[in-house]
Amino acid sequence: MACAWRRSGEPRRAVERQALPLPFPAAHLPMSAMLQALLAQDPTVRDWLEPADADPTRPDAEWIARFLQRAPVAGWDRAAIAAITGATLPPAWREHGALVVTGQQPALGGGPFYTLVKIAAAIATAARVSIPAVPVAPLFWCASEDHDLGEAGHADLLRRDGTIVRVADDLGGGRASLRFRSARHGWDALLAAGARELGPGPGEAWLVAHAPGPDEGLGAWVGRLLAAFFAPWNLLTIEAHRLRPLARPALGAALTRWPAAELAGLRARVLAAGHGDAFGALDHAPLFADRPDGRVALDPAAALALLAVDPDALSAGAALRPALQQAALPAAIFVAGPGELAYHAFLGPVYAALGVPRPLLLPRPSLALAPGWFRRASTAWGVDPAVLRPDSRAPTRDTPLAGELAALDTALAALMRAALTPDLTLRRDAGATRLRRERDRLARSLARGERRAAGLTAFGALVTWLHPRGHPQERTMSLFQAIWEHGPGLATLLVDAAAGCGPGERRLVNG
C-alpha cells in the first residue's frame, strides 16, 4: 500500500492518489467499511481521517518531522512524559522525540489478543520511522478511565475444538472506572481455567511471576504486564488518567471552544455516506467526574466548575480523549483497529478547536496464532491455513462405503419415480424422507470414523481456531492465553510479523 507523494507546497487536493490492489481480496480482511474505504484510498474517507499534510499510509521520518513542526503552542513536556512513564529515554528524545501510540482498555487477563497485535505494530512502526536526529518511541496508553464492566470483566480461552471457555468476574461491581478496580478480581479463577483448559504452557510460570499485586489496580497491572512482555523494545506504558496534568490547557479549550456546529456537519456527511453513528450528537464536550465511588457524566457548567477546583478529576469521553492525548503526547502516529478508525472519522474538528495536531492513523494488521498442532492438522487435510475463512468447507475425501451409498441413492431415486396411488405416494414420500435422513446420518458417522482412524482433527475446529464465532482470532482469544501457550518469546514473533505487514494485512504467526 502506498500513495502518491506531494511536492513541497503543492495543495493536498491536487495530489492524484493511485488506488493500489490489496494484498488479498478485501472480503478476507477483518475490516470495517471505513477501513476498507481508507485502504482503497477513497478521497473522502482520507479527508475525514488524515491530517492535512499526510502523504503515505506507511509513514517515514519525513512525516515525523512535519508532524513535530505543528506542535501545540505550549509544546510537549517530554521530561514530564519520561517521569510519568518511568522510562529512561535518550537526550535526543527529550529534545525533539516523537511517539507511535496505541491503546486499549484493560480487562481481566489483560484484554483481547489484538492488544498485543497493536503494540507489536506500534513497535515495528517506531523502529521503521525513527532516525538518530528524531528518535521515535512506542507507547501504549491504557484506557483505564473506561467503566464498561461487560467488556472488561471476562477473558475468553479458545479450545482446540473451537469452543470457547469464558472466565468472568464482576470486577467489584459499582460504577467506578476500571482504574479503581483491583486486578486480583478473577485472577485465581483465570489461572485455574488456564491449567484446566490449556494444560501446561511455556508462559504459565511467566504469568504467575507477573501476577497482580494485592492492591494493584487493573490498569496499572496491565501496563506493567505489557511493559515486561515487550521489555526488549523499551515499550512505554501509561494509564490515560496520568496524562491529565499535561492536558489541562486543552481541557479548558474543549469547554470554551467546543466545535458543536462543525461536528454536527461532519456527522451528517459521515452518516450520509452510509457509515455508522459512532457517538450520536456531540453538542458539548463529553466529560465525567472520575472518582472511586463512580464515574459521572457532567454538563458544561458542572465540568467548568470542577475544572476550577479539581481539574485532574475530569475524565474525557471517547470523542474528546484522542485530542487530549495529542495535547499531552507528541503522538505522530496512532496504530488503530477498525472500530477506532471508524470513530476517528467524526473527530477532525475537535483537534482543530483544541489547537493540537492530528496523528496519522495507521491501520493495525490482523495476526492469528498458528501453533504446531494447527499446522500439522492443516497439512493432514491438505489445506493451506492461510486460505481458511469462516465459511470454508472441508476438502472432499473418499467416504467409506461410497459405492454402496451411491447404490442406495440410486435405489431411492428409483423408488421416488415409481407410479403409485395418491395414498401410497404420501406414504412413500414420508418414508423416503426418513430414509434420506438416516442415509445422511450414516454417511456422516462413517466420515467421522474414517477421520478419526486417519488421526485428522475436525476440519471445523481448524476454521473456528482462526475465526471463533466467525470473527478474527485476535478479537476473541485473551492475550492471557496467547502468552500462556507461547511464552514471552511470542513478543519477538509478533513484532517480526507486524514489521512485514502492510496496513490492515492479515498474517499467520507460527508459534
Protein backbone atom coordinates (compact mmCIF):
# COMPACT_ATOMS: atom_id res chain seq x y z
CA MET A 1 0.00 0.00 0.00
CA ALA A 2 1.33 3.39 -0.98
CA CYS A 3 0.09 6.61 -2.42
CA ALA A 4 1.43 9.48 -4.49
CA TRP A 5 3.93 11.83 -2.89
CA ARG A 6 3.07 15.53 -2.77
CA ARG A 7 5.74 18.03 -3.72
CA SER A 8 6.54 20.69 -1.15
CA GLY A 9 3.95 23.48 -1.26
CA GLU A 10 1.56 21.58 -3.52
CA PRO A 11 -2.07 21.65 -2.30
CA ARG A 12 -3.17 18.36 -0.87
CA ARG A 13 -6.24 18.02 -3.06
CA ALA A 14 -4.09 18.41 -6.17
CA VAL A 15 -2.42 15.09 -5.45
CA GLU A 16 -3.60 12.25 -7.65
CA ARG A 17 -3.88 9.20 -5.42
CA GLN A 18 -3.33 5.90 -7.12
CA ALA A 19 -5.52 3.08 -5.84
CA LEU A 20 -3.28 0.04 -5.42
CA PRO A 21 -4.54 -3.54 -5.11
CA LEU A 22 -4.88 -5.07 -1.66
CA PRO A 23 -2.55 -7.98 -0.83
CA PHE A 24 -5.56 -10.35 -0.99
CA PRO A 25 -9.32 -10.00 -1.54
CA ALA A 26 -10.90 -7.34 0.64
CA ALA A 27 -13.59 -9.77 1.76
CA HIS A 28 -10.89 -11.74 3.57
CA LEU A 29 -9.84 -8.76 5.69
CA PRO A 30 -11.36 -8.24 9.16
CA MET A 31 -12.23 -4.67 8.27
CA SER A 32 -14.90 -2.14 8.86
CA ALA A 33 -16.37 -0.27 5.92
CA MET A 34 -14.32 2.76 6.98
CA LEU A 35 -11.07 0.77 6.96
CA GLN A 36 -11.88 -0.80 3.61
CA ALA A 37 -12.50 2.66 2.12
CA LEU A 38 -9.26 4.01 3.62
CA LEU A 39 -7.17 1.16 2.22
CA ALA A 40 -8.84 1.67 -1.15
CA GLN A 41 -7.79 5.35 -0.81
CA ASP A 42 -11.26 6.81 -1.02
CA PRO A 43 -10.53 10.58 -1.02
CA THR A 44 -13.50 11.50 1.17
CA VAL A 45 -12.59 8.99 3.86
CA ARG A 46 -8.94 10.04 3.69
CA ASP A 47 -10.00 13.64 4.33
CA TRP A 48 -12.00 12.53 7.37
CA LEU A 49 -9.16 10.50 8.83
CA GLU A 50 -5.87 12.10 7.81
CA PRO A 51 -4.11 15.31 8.81
CA ALA A 52 -3.97 17.97 6.12
CA ASP A 53 -0.40 17.19 5.05
CA ALA A 54 -0.47 13.40 5.36
CA ASP A 55 1.09 11.54 2.48
CA PRO A 56 1.75 7.82 2.75
CA THR A 57 -0.27 5.18 4.54
CA ARG A 58 3.07 3.81 5.69
CA PRO A 59 4.81 6.86 7.19
CA ASP A 60 8.50 7.67 7.33
CA ALA A 61 10.89 10.03 9.12
CA GLU A 62 9.84 12.92 6.89
CA TRP A 63 6.28 12.60 8.13
CA ILE A 64 7.52 12.65 11.74
CA ALA A 65 9.44 15.89 11.11
CA ARG A 66 6.39 17.57 9.57
CA PHE A 67 4.23 16.48 12.48
CA LEU A 68 6.63 17.88 15.08
CA GLN A 69 6.57 21.26 13.34
CA ARG A 70 2.88 21.54 14.22
CA ALA A 71 3.42 21.27 17.98
CA PRO A 72 0.85 22.95 20.26
CA VAL A 73 1.65 26.47 21.39
CA ALA A 74 2.60 25.17 24.83
CA GLY A 75 4.71 22.40 23.27
CA TRP A 76 5.11 18.97 24.79
CA ASP A 77 6.74 18.38 28.15
CA ARG A 78 8.86 15.37 27.25
CA ALA A 79 10.67 15.36 30.60
CA ALA A 80 7.29 15.01 32.32
CA ILE A 81 6.31 12.21 29.94
CA ALA A 82 9.52 10.36 30.79
CA ALA A 83 8.89 10.87 34.51
CA ILE A 84 5.28 9.66 34.31
CA THR A 85 6.19 6.54 32.34
CA GLY A 86 9.31 5.86 34.38
CA ALA A 87 11.27 5.44 31.16
CA THR A 88 14.91 6.15 30.51
CA LEU A 89 14.89 7.99 27.21
CA PRO A 90 17.95 9.33 25.34
CA PRO A 91 18.68 13.06 25.46
CA ALA A 92 17.74 13.43 21.78
CA TRP A 93 14.23 12.17 22.53
CA ARG A 94 13.81 14.63 25.39
CA GLU A 95 14.67 17.41 22.98
CA HIS A 96 12.61 16.52 19.91
CA GLY A 97 11.39 12.94 20.07
CA ALA A 98 8.06 11.59 18.84
CA LEU A 99 5.83 8.65 19.66
CA VAL A 100 3.95 5.88 17.91
CA VAL A 101 0.97 5.32 20.15
CA THR A 102 -1.67 2.66 20.51
CA GLY A 103 -4.11 1.93 23.29
CA GLN A 104 -6.81 -0.29 24.70
CA GLN A 105 -8.89 -0.55 27.83
CA PRO A 106 -7.73 -3.09 30.44
CA ALA A 107 -9.61 -6.30 31.11
CA LEU A 108 -9.47 -9.49 33.12
CA GLY A 109 -6.36 -11.34 32.00
CA GLY A 110 -5.06 -8.26 30.19
CA GLY A 111 -7.60 -7.96 27.38
CA PRO A 112 -8.03 -9.46 23.91
CA PHE A 113 -5.10 -10.77 21.91
CA TYR A 114 -5.32 -7.85 19.48
CA THR A 115 -3.87 -5.65 22.23
CA LEU A 116 -0.56 -7.46 21.67
CA VAL A 117 -1.01 -7.10 17.90
CA LYS A 118 -1.50 -3.33 18.20
CA ILE A 119 1.60 -2.95 20.35
CA ALA A 120 3.71 -5.10 18.03
CA ALA A 121 2.63 -2.89 15.12
CA ALA A 122 3.48 0.25 17.10
CA ILE A 123 6.94 -1.12 17.96
CA ALA A 124 7.64 -2.13 14.36
CA THR A 125 6.46 1.24 13.06
CA ALA A 126 8.53 3.21 15.58
CA ALA A 127 11.63 1.25 14.59
CA ARG A 128 10.98 1.91 10.90
CA VAL A 129 10.47 5.68 11.14
CA SER A 130 13.00 6.51 13.88
CA ILE A 131 16.28 8.18 12.97
CA PRO A 132 19.06 9.35 15.34
CA ALA A 133 18.19 13.02 14.88
CA VAL A 134 14.48 12.43 15.59
CA PRO A 135 14.07 9.29 17.72
CA VAL A 136 10.63 7.70 17.87
CA ALA A 137 9.46 5.51 20.76
CA PRO A 138 6.44 3.18 21.02
CA LEU A 139 3.87 3.92 23.75
CA PHE A 140 0.81 2.03 24.96
CA TRP A 141 -1.82 4.04 26.80
CA CYS A 142 -4.16 2.03 28.95
CA ALA A 143 -7.71 3.42 28.79
CA SER A 144 -8.50 2.60 32.39
CA GLU A 145 -10.82 5.61 32.61
CA ASP A 146 -13.48 3.48 30.92
CA HIS A 147 -16.12 1.75 33.01
CA ASP A 148 -17.50 -0.88 30.63
CA LEU A 149 -17.54 -3.84 33.00
CA GLY A 150 -19.27 -6.09 30.47
CA GLU A 151 -16.36 -5.81 28.08
CA ALA A 152 -13.61 -5.76 30.69
CA GLY A 153 -14.92 -8.38 33.10
CA HIS A 154 -14.14 -11.52 31.12
CA ALA A 155 -11.37 -13.43 29.37
CA ASP A 156 -12.08 -15.95 26.60
CA LEU A 157 -9.98 -19.10 26.24
CA LEU A 158 -10.16 -20.87 22.89
CA ARG A 159 -10.07 -24.67 22.96
CA ARG A 160 -8.56 -26.69 20.14
CA ASP A 161 -12.01 -27.95 19.14
CA GLY A 162 -13.11 -24.34 18.55
CA THR A 163 -15.32 -24.00 21.61
CA ILE A 164 -14.84 -21.00 23.90
CA VAL A 165 -14.49 -21.03 27.67
CA ARG A 166 -15.35 -17.70 29.24
CA VAL A 167 -13.92 -16.76 32.63
CA ALA A 168 -15.93 -13.86 34.07
CA ASP A 169 -15.85 -11.62 37.12
CA ASP A 170 -17.84 -8.51 38.03
CA LEU A 171 -14.57 -6.72 38.97
CA GLY A 172 -16.23 -5.48 42.12
CA GLY A 173 -19.48 -4.04 40.72
CA GLY A 174 -20.49 -0.40 41.09
CA ARG A 175 -19.89 2.50 38.67
CA ALA A 176 -16.23 3.28 39.29
CA SER A 177 -13.90 3.32 36.29
CA LEU A 178 -11.55 0.43 35.64
CA ARG A 179 -8.53 2.16 37.17
CA PHE A 180 -10.16 1.77 40.57
CA ARG A 181 -10.75 -1.99 40.11
CA SER A 182 -8.41 -4.50 41.69
CA ALA A 183 -6.54 -6.62 39.16
CA ARG A 184 -6.82 -9.53 41.60
CA HIS A 185 -10.52 -9.89 40.78
CA GLY A 186 -10.92 -13.09 38.79
CA TRP A 187 -7.18 -13.76 38.59
CA ASP A 188 -7.17 -17.02 40.58
CA ALA A 189 -10.15 -18.31 38.60
CA LEU A 190 -8.35 -17.45 35.36
CA LEU A 191 -5.20 -19.30 36.43
CA ALA A 192 -7.29 -22.35 37.32
CA ALA A 193 -9.07 -22.20 33.95
CA GLY A 194 -5.74 -21.92 32.15
CA ALA A 195 -4.41 -25.04 33.87
CA ARG A 196 -7.65 -26.92 33.23
CA GLU A 197 -8.39 -25.87 29.64
CA LEU A 198 -4.94 -25.17 28.19
CA GLY A 199 -2.71 -27.55 30.13
CA PRO A 200 0.91 -26.74 31.00
CA GLY A 201 2.26 -23.92 28.87
CA PRO A 202 5.66 -22.27 28.38
CA GLY A 203 4.24 -18.92 29.54
CA GLU A 204 2.46 -20.18 32.65
CA ALA A 205 5.35 -19.51 35.02
CA TRP A 206 5.96 -16.10 33.42
CA LEU A 207 2.34 -15.07 34.00
CA VAL A 208 2.47 -16.28 37.60
CA ALA A 209 5.68 -14.28 38.11
CA HIS A 210 3.90 -11.16 36.80
CA ALA A 211 0.64 -11.71 38.67
CA PRO A 212 -1.24 -8.68 40.01
CA GLY A 213 -0.20 -7.38 43.40
CA PRO A 214 -2.67 -7.42 46.30
CA ASP A 215 -3.64 -3.75 45.90
CA GLU A 216 -2.73 -3.23 42.23
CA GLY A 217 -5.32 -1.55 40.04
CA LEU A 218 -6.41 -3.24 36.83
CA GLY A 219 -4.96 -0.54 34.57
CA ALA A 220 -1.69 -0.32 36.48
CA TRP A 221 -1.21 -4.09 36.30
CA VAL A 222 -1.98 -4.34 32.57
CA GLY A 223 0.55 -1.58 31.88
CA ARG A 224 3.18 -3.37 33.97
CA LEU A 225 2.46 -6.71 32.31
CA LEU A 226 2.75 -5.32 28.78
CA ALA A 227 5.90 -3.32 29.58
CA ALA A 228 7.53 -6.53 30.84
CA PHE A 229 6.34 -8.57 27.85
CA PHE A 230 7.76 -6.06 25.36
CA ALA A 231 10.74 -5.03 27.53
CA PRO A 232 13.38 -5.66 24.82
CA TRP A 233 11.85 -2.80 22.80
CA ASN A 234 11.57 -0.37 25.74
CA LEU A 235 7.80 -0.04 25.36
CA LEU A 236 6.46 2.94 27.28
CA THR A 237 3.16 2.38 29.06
CA ILE A 238 0.89 4.85 30.78
CA GLU A 239 -2.62 4.95 32.16
CA ALA A 240 -4.67 7.63 30.42
CA HIS A 241 -5.63 9.41 33.64
CA ARG A 242 -1.96 10.10 34.40
CA LEU A 243 -1.83 12.35 31.33
CA ARG A 244 -4.41 14.74 32.76
CA PRO A 245 -1.91 17.26 34.21
CA LEU A 246 -0.31 17.56 30.75
CA ALA A 247 -3.66 18.16 29.04
CA ARG A 248 -5.15 20.81 31.36
CA PRO A 249 -4.88 23.74 28.92
CA ALA A 250 -6.63 21.71 26.23
CA LEU A 251 -9.41 20.84 28.68
CA GLY A 252 -10.27 24.48 29.06
CA ALA A 253 -10.32 24.90 25.29
CA ALA A 254 -12.63 21.89 24.96
CA LEU A 255 -15.14 23.51 27.29
CA THR A 256 -14.99 27.01 25.83
CA ARG A 257 -14.38 26.32 22.12
CA TRP A 258 -16.23 23.05 21.56
CA PRO A 259 -16.96 22.86 17.78
CA ALA A 260 -20.57 21.66 18.02
CA ALA A 261 -21.66 23.03 14.62
CA GLU A 262 -18.64 21.63 12.78
CA LEU A 263 -19.10 18.24 14.43
CA ALA A 264 -22.77 18.18 13.50
CA GLY A 265 -21.96 18.95 9.87
CA LEU A 266 -19.25 16.29 9.70
CA ARG A 267 -21.54 13.75 11.36
CA ALA A 268 -24.22 14.42 8.75
CA ARG A 269 -21.72 13.80 5.95
CA VAL A 270 -20.39 10.60 7.51
CA LEU A 271 -23.89 9.23 8.04
CA ALA A 272 -24.96 10.24 4.53
CA ALA A 273 -22.09 8.14 3.20
CA GLY A 274 -23.62 5.10 4.90
CA HIS A 275 -21.28 4.75 7.90
CA GLY A 276 -22.45 4.04 11.43
CA ASP A 277 -23.07 6.68 14.07
CA ALA A 278 -20.16 6.36 16.47
CA PHE A 279 -21.21 8.91 19.10
CA GLY A 280 -24.60 10.42 18.41
CA ALA A 281 -24.95 14.18 18.73
CA LEU A 282 -21.87 15.89 20.23
CA ASP A 283 -23.42 19.12 21.45
CA HIS A 284 -20.78 19.64 24.16
CA ALA A 285 -17.50 18.14 25.31
CA PRO A 286 -18.09 14.68 26.85
CA LEU A 287 -16.60 14.94 30.33
CA PHE A 288 -17.02 12.96 33.53
CA ALA A 289 -16.12 13.27 37.19
CA ASP A 290 -13.90 10.23 37.77
CA ARG A 291 -13.79 9.23 41.43
CA PRO A 292 -13.51 5.96 43.37
CA ASP A 293 -17.27 5.90 44.03
CA GLY A 294 -18.24 6.30 40.38
CA ARG A 295 -17.75 7.99 37.01
CA VAL A 296 -20.50 10.56 36.49
CA ALA A 297 -21.31 12.48 33.29
CA LEU A 298 -21.13 16.28 33.59
CA ASP A 299 -22.87 19.07 31.71
CA PRO A 300 -20.65 22.01 30.60
CA ALA A 301 -21.42 24.12 33.67
CA ALA A 302 -20.57 21.33 36.08
CA ALA A 303 -17.43 20.49 34.11
CA LEU A 304 -16.25 24.12 34.23
CA ALA A 305 -16.85 24.21 37.98
CA LEU A 306 -14.82 21.05 38.51
CA LEU A 307 -12.08 22.34 36.19
CA ALA A 308 -11.65 25.32 38.52
CA VAL A 309 -11.26 23.30 41.72
CA ASP A 310 -10.07 19.80 40.78
CA PRO A 311 -9.08 19.59 37.08
CA ASP A 312 -7.40 16.20 37.41
CA ALA A 313 -10.73 14.64 38.42
CA LEU A 314 -12.09 15.38 34.93
CA SER A 315 -12.17 12.36 32.63
CA ALA A 316 -12.80 12.68 28.90
CA GLY A 317 -15.23 10.59 26.92
CA ALA A 318 -14.19 8.76 23.76
CA ALA A 319 -14.96 11.74 21.48
CA LEU A 320 -12.54 14.00 23.35
CA ARG A 321 -9.89 11.63 24.67
CA PRO A 322 -7.85 11.30 21.42
CA ALA A 323 -7.40 15.09 21.10
CA LEU A 324 -6.41 15.42 24.76
CA GLN A 325 -3.90 12.64 24.18
CA GLN A 326 -2.38 14.73 21.40
CA ALA A 327 -2.17 17.73 23.70
CA ALA A 328 -0.18 15.66 26.19
CA LEU A 329 1.90 13.47 23.87
CA PRO A 330 3.91 14.02 20.67
CA ALA A 331 1.98 11.14 19.10
CA ALA A 332 2.83 11.39 15.42
CA ILE A 333 1.25 8.04 14.54
CA PHE A 334 -1.66 6.21 16.12
CA VAL A 335 -1.98 2.47 15.42
CA ALA A 336 -5.72 1.88 15.29
CA GLY A 337 -8.11 -1.01 14.93
CA PRO A 338 -11.10 -0.97 12.58
CA GLY A 339 -13.50 0.39 15.22
CA GLU A 340 -11.12 3.17 16.24
CA LEU A 341 -10.72 4.26 12.64
CA ALA A 342 -14.49 4.42 12.30
CA TYR A 343 -14.99 6.78 15.23
CA HIS A 344 -11.96 8.94 14.38
CA ALA A 345 -13.80 9.93 11.21
CA PHE A 346 -16.06 12.10 13.41
CA LEU A 347 -13.32 13.92 15.34
CA GLY A 348 -11.37 16.19 12.97
CA PRO A 349 -12.95 19.44 14.22
CA VAL A 350 -12.01 18.62 17.83
CA TYR A 351 -8.29 18.63 17.02
CA ALA A 352 -8.64 21.97 15.26
CA ALA A 353 -10.61 23.55 18.12
CA LEU A 354 -8.02 22.46 20.70
CA GLY A 355 -5.07 23.53 18.53
CA VAL A 356 -3.38 20.14 18.58
CA PRO A 357 -2.00 18.23 15.57
CA ARG A 358 -3.81 15.18 14.35
CA PRO A 359 -1.81 11.94 14.25
CA LEU A 360 -1.55 9.81 11.17
CA LEU A 361 -3.88 6.83 11.69
CA LEU A 362 -2.19 3.56 10.77
CA PRO A 363 -4.49 0.52 10.49
CA ARG A 364 -3.14 -2.34 12.57
CA PRO A 365 -2.51 -5.71 10.91
CA SER A 366 -4.54 -8.80 11.72
CA LEU A 367 -2.37 -11.56 13.19
CA ALA A 368 -3.50 -15.05 14.12
CA LEU A 369 -1.58 -17.69 16.05
CA ALA A 370 -0.91 -20.93 14.17
CA PRO A 371 0.69 -23.34 16.66
CA GLY A 372 2.29 -26.62 15.68
CA TRP A 373 -0.80 -28.81 16.20
CA PHE A 374 -2.82 -26.48 13.96
CA ARG A 375 -0.24 -26.51 11.16
CA ARG A 376 0.10 -30.31 11.32
CA ALA A 377 -3.67 -30.73 11.18
CA SER A 378 -3.92 -28.38 8.21
CA THR A 379 -1.20 -30.34 6.40
CA ALA A 380 -3.04 -33.59 7.10
CA TRP A 381 -6.15 -32.13 5.48
CA GLY A 382 -4.07 -30.87 2.56
CA VAL A 383 -5.10 -27.23 3.02
CA ASP A 384 -3.11 -24.02 3.30
CA PRO A 385 -4.19 -22.50 6.64
CA ALA A 386 -3.73 -19.01 5.20
CA VAL A 387 -6.77 -19.54 2.96
CA LEU A 388 -9.15 -20.70 5.69
CA ARG A 389 -12.16 -18.41 6.04
CA PRO A 390 -15.24 -18.53 8.29
CA ASP A 391 -17.22 -20.24 5.52
CA SER A 392 -14.52 -22.72 4.45
CA ARG A 393 -15.70 -26.28 3.86
CA ALA A 394 -13.73 -29.49 4.34
CA PRO A 395 -12.00 -30.84 1.23
CA THR A 396 -13.74 -33.80 -0.37
CA ARG A 397 -12.37 -37.13 0.85
CA ASP A 398 -13.15 -40.70 -0.12
CA THR A 399 -16.04 -41.83 2.07
CA PRO A 400 -16.12 -45.44 3.35
CA LEU A 401 -18.77 -47.49 1.53
CA ALA A 402 -19.04 -44.73 -1.07
CA GLY A 403 -20.12 -47.21 -3.75
CA GLU A 404 -22.76 -48.75 -1.53
CA LEU A 405 -24.08 -45.30 -0.56
CA ALA A 406 -24.24 -44.35 -4.24
CA ALA A 407 -26.21 -47.54 -4.95
CA LEU A 408 -28.57 -46.62 -2.11
CA ASP A 409 -29.03 -43.16 -3.65
CA THR A 410 -29.85 -44.79 -7.00
CA ALA A 411 -32.39 -47.09 -5.36
CA LEU A 412 -34.01 -44.17 -3.54
CA ALA A 413 -34.25 -42.24 -6.80
CA ALA A 414 -35.92 -45.24 -8.49
CA LEU A 415 -38.31 -45.53 -5.58
CA MET A 416 -39.32 -41.91 -5.99
CA ARG A 417 -40.01 -42.44 -9.71
CA ALA A 418 -42.40 -45.31 -9.15
CA ALA A 419 -46.06 -44.57 -10.11
CA LEU A 420 -48.32 -45.07 -7.08
CA THR A 421 -51.78 -44.18 -5.93
CA PRO A 422 -52.09 -40.83 -4.11
CA ASP A 423 -52.32 -42.53 -0.70
CA LEU A 424 -49.25 -44.70 -1.33
CA THR A 425 -47.37 -41.70 -2.78
CA LEU A 426 -47.79 -39.83 0.51
CA ARG A 427 -46.60 -42.85 2.47
CA ARG A 428 -43.68 -43.40 0.07
CA ASP A 429 -42.60 -39.72 0.27
CA ALA A 430 -42.69 -39.70 4.08
CA GLY A 431 -40.72 -42.92 4.29
CA ALA A 432 -38.18 -41.76 1.71
CA THR A 433 -37.57 -38.57 3.70
CA ARG A 434 -36.75 -40.66 6.76
CA LEU A 435 -34.53 -42.93 4.68
CA ARG A 436 -32.58 -39.98 3.28
CA ARG A 437 -32.15 -38.57 6.77
CA GLU A 438 -30.80 -41.88 8.04
CA ARG A 439 -28.63 -42.25 4.93
CA ASP A 440 -27.03 -38.83 5.59
CA ARG A 441 -26.56 -39.66 9.27
CA LEU A 442 -24.82 -42.91 8.31
CA ALA A 443 -22.57 -41.09 5.83
CA ARG A 444 -21.54 -38.53 8.45
CA SER A 445 -20.86 -41.25 11.00
CA LEU A 446 -18.72 -43.15 8.51
CA ALA A 447 -16.82 -39.95 7.64
CA ARG A 448 -16.18 -39.25 11.33
CA GLY A 449 -14.94 -42.78 11.82
CA GLU A 450 -12.65 -42.50 8.81
CA ARG A 451 -11.34 -39.14 10.01
CA ARG A 452 -10.63 -40.49 13.48
CA ALA A 453 -8.93 -43.57 12.06
CA ALA A 454 -6.72 -41.29 9.98
CA GLY A 455 -5.96 -39.13 13.03
CA LEU A 456 -7.48 -36.00 11.46
CA THR A 457 -8.60 -33.04 13.58
CA ALA A 458 -12.17 -32.00 12.84
CA PHE A 459 -12.00 -29.55 9.92
CA GLY A 460 -14.48 -27.22 11.60
CA ALA A 461 -12.10 -26.91 14.55
CA LEU A 462 -9.39 -25.56 12.23
CA VAL A 463 -11.80 -22.95 10.88
CA THR A 464 -13.04 -21.87 14.31
CA TRP A 465 -9.49 -21.71 15.69
CA LEU A 466 -8.77 -18.89 13.26
CA HIS A 467 -12.31 -17.48 13.20
CA PRO A 468 -14.08 -18.12 16.52
CA ARG A 469 -17.71 -17.02 16.25
CA GLY A 470 -16.88 -16.05 12.67
CA HIS A 471 -14.57 -13.23 13.79
CA PRO A 472 -10.77 -12.90 13.58
CA GLN A 473 -8.98 -14.86 16.29
CA GLU A 474 -7.40 -11.78 17.88
CA ARG A 475 -10.83 -10.34 18.74
CA THR A 476 -11.85 -13.35 20.84
CA MET A 477 -8.78 -15.02 22.32
CA SER A 478 -7.43 -13.45 25.51
CA LEU A 479 -3.82 -12.29 25.46
CA PHE A 480 -3.53 -14.33 28.66
CA GLN A 481 -3.95 -17.49 26.56
CA ALA A 482 -1.52 -16.29 23.89
CA ILE A 483 1.21 -15.73 26.49
CA TRP A 484 0.35 -18.91 28.44
CA GLU A 485 0.65 -21.14 25.36
CA HIS A 486 3.64 -19.46 23.70
CA GLY A 487 5.63 -17.77 26.45
CA PRO A 488 7.36 -14.37 26.38
CA GLY A 489 9.20 -15.33 23.18
CA LEU A 490 5.91 -14.67 21.39
CA ALA A 491 6.69 -10.95 21.58
CA THR A 492 9.53 -11.33 19.06
CA LEU A 493 7.34 -13.35 16.69
CA LEU A 494 4.62 -10.69 16.79
CA VAL A 495 6.97 -7.76 16.25
CA ASP A 496 8.66 -9.54 13.34
CA ALA A 497 5.30 -10.40 11.78
CA ALA A 498 3.99 -6.85 12.22
CA ALA A 499 7.15 -5.44 10.63
CA GLY A 500 6.41 -7.42 7.47
CA CYS A 501 2.73 -6.48 7.25
CA GLY A 502 1.11 -3.67 5.35
CA PRO A 503 -1.74 -1.68 6.93
CA GLY A 504 -4.70 -3.94 7.62
CA GLU A 505 -2.92 -7.02 6.25
CA ARG A 506 -3.69 -10.45 7.65
CA ARG A 507 -0.92 -12.91 8.54
CA LEU A 508 -0.50 -16.16 10.45
CA VAL A 509 2.18 -16.35 13.15
CA ASN A 510 3.75 -19.78 13.62
CA GLY A 511 4.06 -20.37 17.33
